[in-house]
Amino acid sequence: MFHCAVQLPHLKNTSSSNHAAWVLKHNVEELLPLPLSEVRRRLNIAEPEIYNSVPDDIKQNLLKPKISETQSERERSRIKQAHA
């Protein structure tokens, strides 16, 4: 039997994925170029109020990579050095 600390997140994740399956019933490629607000309106998806309440500077700090360079930046640097 799963320990509660493992079981609850697993159940929440499974539940979320089951609820999200309906999105694939829509023409996702048609929705991609649309503004996010329009996609939310068409799919009847509410604004993420909690996420939106977090100040932008805090979100940027939390979401930025914790490394100085991404893999693609390192690869570009190596290519430039090889051609120099």
N, C-alpha and C. Protein backbone atom coordinates (compact mmCIF):
# COMPACT_ATOMS: atom_id res chain seq x y z
N MET A 1 0.85 -1.19 0.00
CA MET A 1 0.00 0.00 0.00
C MET A 1 0.89 1.25 0.00
N PHE A 2 0.46 2.26 -0.77
CA PHE A 2 1.21 3.51 -0.82
C PHE A 2 1.13 4.26 0.49
N HIS A 3 2.20 4.94 0.80
CA HIS A 3 2.20 5.86 1.93
C HIS A 3 1.37 7.06 1.52
N CYS A 4 0.67 7.69 2.45
CA CYS A 4 -0.20 8.83 2.13
C CYS A 4 0.52 9.95 1.39
N ALA A 5 1.76 10.24 1.79
CA ALA A 5 2.50 11.34 1.16
C ALA A 5 2.75 11.07 -0.31
N VAL A 6 2.82 9.80 -0.70
CA VAL A 6 3.02 9.44 -2.11
C VAL A 6 1.69 9.26 -2.81
N GLN A 7 0.75 8.66 -2.13
CA GLN A 7 -0.53 8.32 -2.75
C GLN A 7 -1.34 9.55 -3.14
N LEU A 8 -1.43 10.53 -2.26
CA LEU A 8 -2.26 11.70 -2.53
C LEU A 8 -1.79 12.48 -3.76
N PRO A 9 -0.48 12.82 -3.89
CA PRO A 9 -0.05 13.50 -5.12
C PRO A 9 -0.30 12.65 -6.36
N HIS A 10 -0.10 11.34 -6.24
CA HIS A 10 -0.34 10.44 -7.38
C HIS A 10 -1.80 10.51 -7.80
N LEU A 11 -2.71 10.45 -6.84
CA LEU A 11 -4.13 10.52 -7.16
C LEU A 11 -4.51 11.87 -7.76
N LYS A 12 -3.94 12.95 -7.23
CA LYS A 12 -4.22 14.27 -7.79
C LYS A 12 -3.72 14.36 -9.22
N ASN A 13 -2.52 13.85 -9.48
CA ASN A 13 -1.94 13.88 -10.81
C ASN A 13 -2.79 13.07 -11.78
N THR A 14 -3.19 11.87 -11.37
CA THR A 14 -4.03 11.02 -12.22
C THR A 14 -5.35 11.70 -12.50
N SER A 15 -5.93 12.30 -11.49
CA SER A 15 -7.19 13.00 -11.66
C SER A 15 -7.04 14.18 -12.62
N SER A 16 -5.96 14.95 -12.49
CA SER A 16 -5.73 16.10 -13.37
C SER A 16 -5.55 15.65 -14.81
N SER A 17 -4.81 14.58 -15.02
CA SER A 17 -4.58 14.13 -16.39
C SER A 17 -5.88 13.62 -17.01
N ASN A 18 -6.72 12.97 -16.21
CA ASN A 18 -8.00 12.52 -16.74
C ASN A 18 -8.89 13.70 -17.10
N HIS A 19 -8.84 14.74 -16.30
CA HIS A 19 -9.66 15.92 -16.58
C HIS A 19 -9.14 16.69 -17.79
N ALA A 20 -7.85 16.63 -18.06
CA ALA A 20 -7.25 17.38 -19.17
C ALA A 20 -7.40 16.68 -20.51
N ALA A 21 -7.78 15.41 -20.52
CA ALA A 21 -7.88 14.65 -21.78
C ALA A 21 -8.86 15.29 -22.76
N TRP A 22 -9.86 15.99 -22.27
CA TRP A 22 -10.85 16.60 -23.15
C TRP A 22 -10.26 17.65 -24.07
N VAL A 23 -9.15 18.26 -23.66
CA VAL A 23 -8.51 19.29 -24.50
C VAL A 23 -8.12 18.71 -25.84
N LEU A 24 -7.68 17.47 -25.85
CA LEU A 24 -7.23 16.84 -27.10
C LEU A 24 -8.38 16.55 -28.06
N LYS A 25 -9.60 16.69 -27.60
CA LYS A 25 -10.76 16.53 -28.49
C LYS A 25 -10.96 17.76 -29.37
N HIS A 26 -10.23 18.83 -29.06
CA HIS A 26 -10.31 20.07 -29.83
C HIS A 26 -9.16 20.13 -30.82
N ASN A 27 -9.30 20.95 -31.84
CA ASN A 27 -8.24 21.13 -32.82
C ASN A 27 -7.18 22.05 -32.19
N VAL A 28 -6.22 21.44 -31.53
CA VAL A 28 -5.21 22.19 -30.78
C VAL A 28 -4.37 23.05 -31.72
N GLU A 29 -4.04 22.55 -32.89
CA GLU A 29 -3.23 23.33 -33.83
C GLU A 29 -3.95 24.61 -34.24
N GLU A 30 -5.25 24.58 -34.34
CA GLU A 30 -6.03 25.78 -34.68
C GLU A 30 -5.99 26.79 -33.54
N LEU A 31 -5.87 26.30 -32.33
CA LEU A 31 -5.87 27.18 -31.16
C LEU A 31 -4.51 27.83 -30.90
N LEU A 32 -3.43 27.21 -31.36
CA LEU A 32 -2.08 27.69 -31.04
C LEU A 32 -1.82 29.16 -31.41
N PRO A 33 -2.23 29.64 -32.59
CA PRO A 33 -1.91 31.04 -32.91
C PRO A 33 -2.80 32.06 -32.18
N LEU A 34 -3.85 31.61 -31.53
CA LEU A 34 -4.78 32.52 -30.87
C LEU A 34 -4.21 33.06 -29.55
N PRO A 35 -4.65 34.24 -29.16
CA PRO A 35 -4.25 34.76 -27.84
C PRO A 35 -4.78 33.82 -26.75
N LEU A 36 -4.02 33.70 -25.69
CA LEU A 36 -4.38 32.79 -24.60
C LEU A 36 -5.77 33.09 -24.05
N SER A 37 -6.12 34.36 -23.96
CA SER A 37 -7.45 34.72 -23.43
C SER A 37 -8.56 34.16 -24.32
N GLU A 38 -8.34 34.17 -25.64
CA GLU A 38 -9.33 33.62 -26.57
C GLU A 38 -9.43 32.10 -26.44
N VAL A 39 -8.30 31.44 -26.29
CA VAL A 39 -8.30 29.98 -26.11
C VAL A 39 -9.05 29.63 -24.83
N ARG A 40 -8.76 30.36 -23.76
CA ARG A 40 -9.46 30.10 -22.50
C ARG A 40 -10.97 30.29 -22.66
N ARG A 41 -11.36 31.34 -23.39
CA ARG A 41 -12.78 31.60 -23.60
C ARG A 41 -13.42 30.46 -24.37
N ARG A 42 -12.78 30.03 -25.47
CA ARG A 42 -13.33 28.96 -26.30
C ARG A 42 -13.44 27.63 -25.56
N LEU A 43 -12.47 27.36 -24.69
CA LEU A 43 -12.46 26.08 -23.98
C LEU A 43 -13.09 26.16 -22.59
N ASN A 44 -13.57 27.36 -22.27
CA ASN A 44 -14.20 27.59 -20.96
C ASN A 44 -13.24 27.27 -19.82
N ILE A 45 -12.05 27.80 -19.92
CA ILE A 45 -11.02 27.61 -18.89
C ILE A 45 -10.88 28.92 -18.13
N ALA A 46 -11.00 28.85 -16.83
CA ALA A 46 -10.91 30.04 -15.99
C ALA A 46 -9.48 30.58 -15.93
N GLU A 47 -9.37 31.86 -15.65
CA GLU A 47 -8.05 32.47 -15.43
C GLU A 47 -7.43 31.83 -14.19
N PRO A 48 -6.11 31.62 -14.19
CA PRO A 48 -5.45 31.05 -13.01
C PRO A 48 -5.25 32.14 -11.94
N GLU A 49 -6.26 32.33 -11.11
CA GLU A 49 -6.27 33.45 -10.16
C GLU A 49 -5.10 33.41 -9.18
N ILE A 50 -4.78 32.25 -8.67
CA ILE A 50 -3.68 32.17 -7.70
C ILE A 50 -2.37 32.51 -8.37
N TYR A 51 -2.11 31.92 -9.55
CA TYR A 51 -0.88 32.21 -10.29
C TYR A 51 -0.80 33.70 -10.63
N ASN A 52 -1.91 34.26 -11.10
CA ASN A 52 -1.93 35.67 -11.47
C ASN A 52 -1.73 36.60 -10.28
N SER A 53 -2.01 36.13 -9.08
CA SER A 53 -1.86 36.98 -7.90
C SER A 53 -0.40 37.08 -7.45
N VAL A 54 0.46 36.20 -7.95
CA VAL A 54 1.89 36.24 -7.60
C VAL A 54 2.56 37.35 -8.41
N PRO A 55 3.27 38.28 -7.78
CA PRO A 55 3.93 39.37 -8.51
C PRO A 55 4.89 38.82 -9.58
N ASP A 56 4.97 39.53 -10.70
CA ASP A 56 5.80 39.09 -11.83
C ASP A 56 7.26 38.88 -11.46
N ASP A 57 7.83 39.77 -10.63
CA ASP A 57 9.24 39.61 -10.29
C ASP A 57 9.49 38.32 -9.51
N ILE A 58 8.55 37.93 -8.69
CA ILE A 58 8.70 36.67 -7.95
C ILE A 58 8.59 35.49 -8.91
N LYS A 59 7.61 35.54 -9.83
CA LYS A 59 7.47 34.46 -10.81
C LYS A 59 8.74 34.32 -11.64
N GLN A 60 9.28 35.43 -12.09
CA GLN A 60 10.48 35.37 -12.92
C GLN A 60 11.65 34.77 -12.15
N ASN A 61 11.77 35.13 -10.89
CA ASN A 61 12.85 34.58 -10.06
C ASN A 61 12.68 33.08 -9.86
N LEU A 62 11.47 32.64 -9.67
CA LEU A 62 11.21 31.22 -9.44
C LEU A 62 11.33 30.39 -10.71
N LEU A 63 11.01 30.98 -11.84
CA LEU A 63 10.95 30.23 -13.08
C LEU A 63 12.23 30.27 -13.90
N LYS A 64 13.14 31.19 -13.57
CA LYS A 64 14.34 31.28 -14.39
C LYS A 64 15.26 30.10 -14.09
N PRO A 65 16.01 29.67 -15.08
CA PRO A 65 16.90 28.52 -14.86
C PRO A 65 17.92 28.83 -13.78
N LYS A 66 18.31 27.82 -13.06
CA LYS A 66 19.28 27.98 -11.98
C LYS A 66 20.71 27.78 -12.49
N ILE A 67 20.86 27.73 -13.81
CA ILE A 67 22.18 27.55 -14.41
C ILE A 67 22.54 28.81 -15.18
N SER A 68 23.82 29.02 -15.42
CA SER A 68 24.24 30.24 -16.09
C SER A 68 23.98 30.20 -17.59
N GLU A 69 24.03 29.01 -18.18
CA GLU A 69 23.79 28.87 -19.61
C GLU A 69 22.92 27.64 -19.87
N THR A 70 22.05 27.74 -20.86
CA THR A 70 21.28 26.57 -21.26
C THR A 70 22.15 25.68 -22.13
N GLN A 71 21.69 24.47 -22.36
CA GLN A 71 22.43 23.53 -23.21
C GLN A 71 22.64 24.13 -24.61
N SER A 72 21.62 24.73 -25.18
CA SER A 72 21.75 25.29 -26.53
C SER A 72 22.74 26.46 -26.55
N GLU A 73 22.77 27.27 -25.48
CA GLU A 73 23.75 28.36 -25.42
C GLU A 73 25.17 27.82 -25.35
N ARG A 74 25.38 26.76 -24.57
CA ARG A 74 26.71 26.15 -24.49
C ARG A 74 27.13 25.59 -25.85
N GLU A 75 26.19 24.94 -26.55
CA GLU A 75 26.50 24.39 -27.87
C GLU A 75 26.86 25.49 -28.87
N ARG A 76 26.11 26.60 -28.85
CA ARG A 76 26.43 27.72 -29.74
C ARG A 76 27.80 28.29 -29.45
N SER A 77 28.15 28.39 -28.16
CA SER A 77 29.47 28.89 -27.79
C SER A 77 30.57 27.98 -28.32
N ARG A 78 30.38 26.68 -28.21
CA ARG A 78 31.38 25.71 -28.70
C ARG A 78 31.54 25.83 -30.21
N ILE A 79 30.44 26.00 -30.92
CA ILE A 79 30.50 26.11 -32.39
C ILE A 79 31.24 27.38 -32.78
N LYS A 80 30.93 28.50 -32.08
CA LYS A 80 31.63 29.76 -32.37
C LYS A 80 33.12 29.63 -32.10
N GLN A 81 33.48 28.99 -31.01
CA GLN A 81 34.90 28.81 -30.67
C GLN A 81 35.59 27.91 -31.69
N ALA A 82 34.91 26.92 -32.18
CA ALA A 82 35.50 26.01 -33.16
C ALA A 82 35.75 26.71 -34.49
N HIS A 83 34.89 27.66 -34.84
CA HIS A 83 35.02 28.38 -36.11
C HIS A 83 35.91 29.61 -36.01
N ALA A 84 36.30 29.97 -34.79
CA ALA A 84 37.13 31.16 -34.59
C ALA A 84 38.60 30.89 -34.85
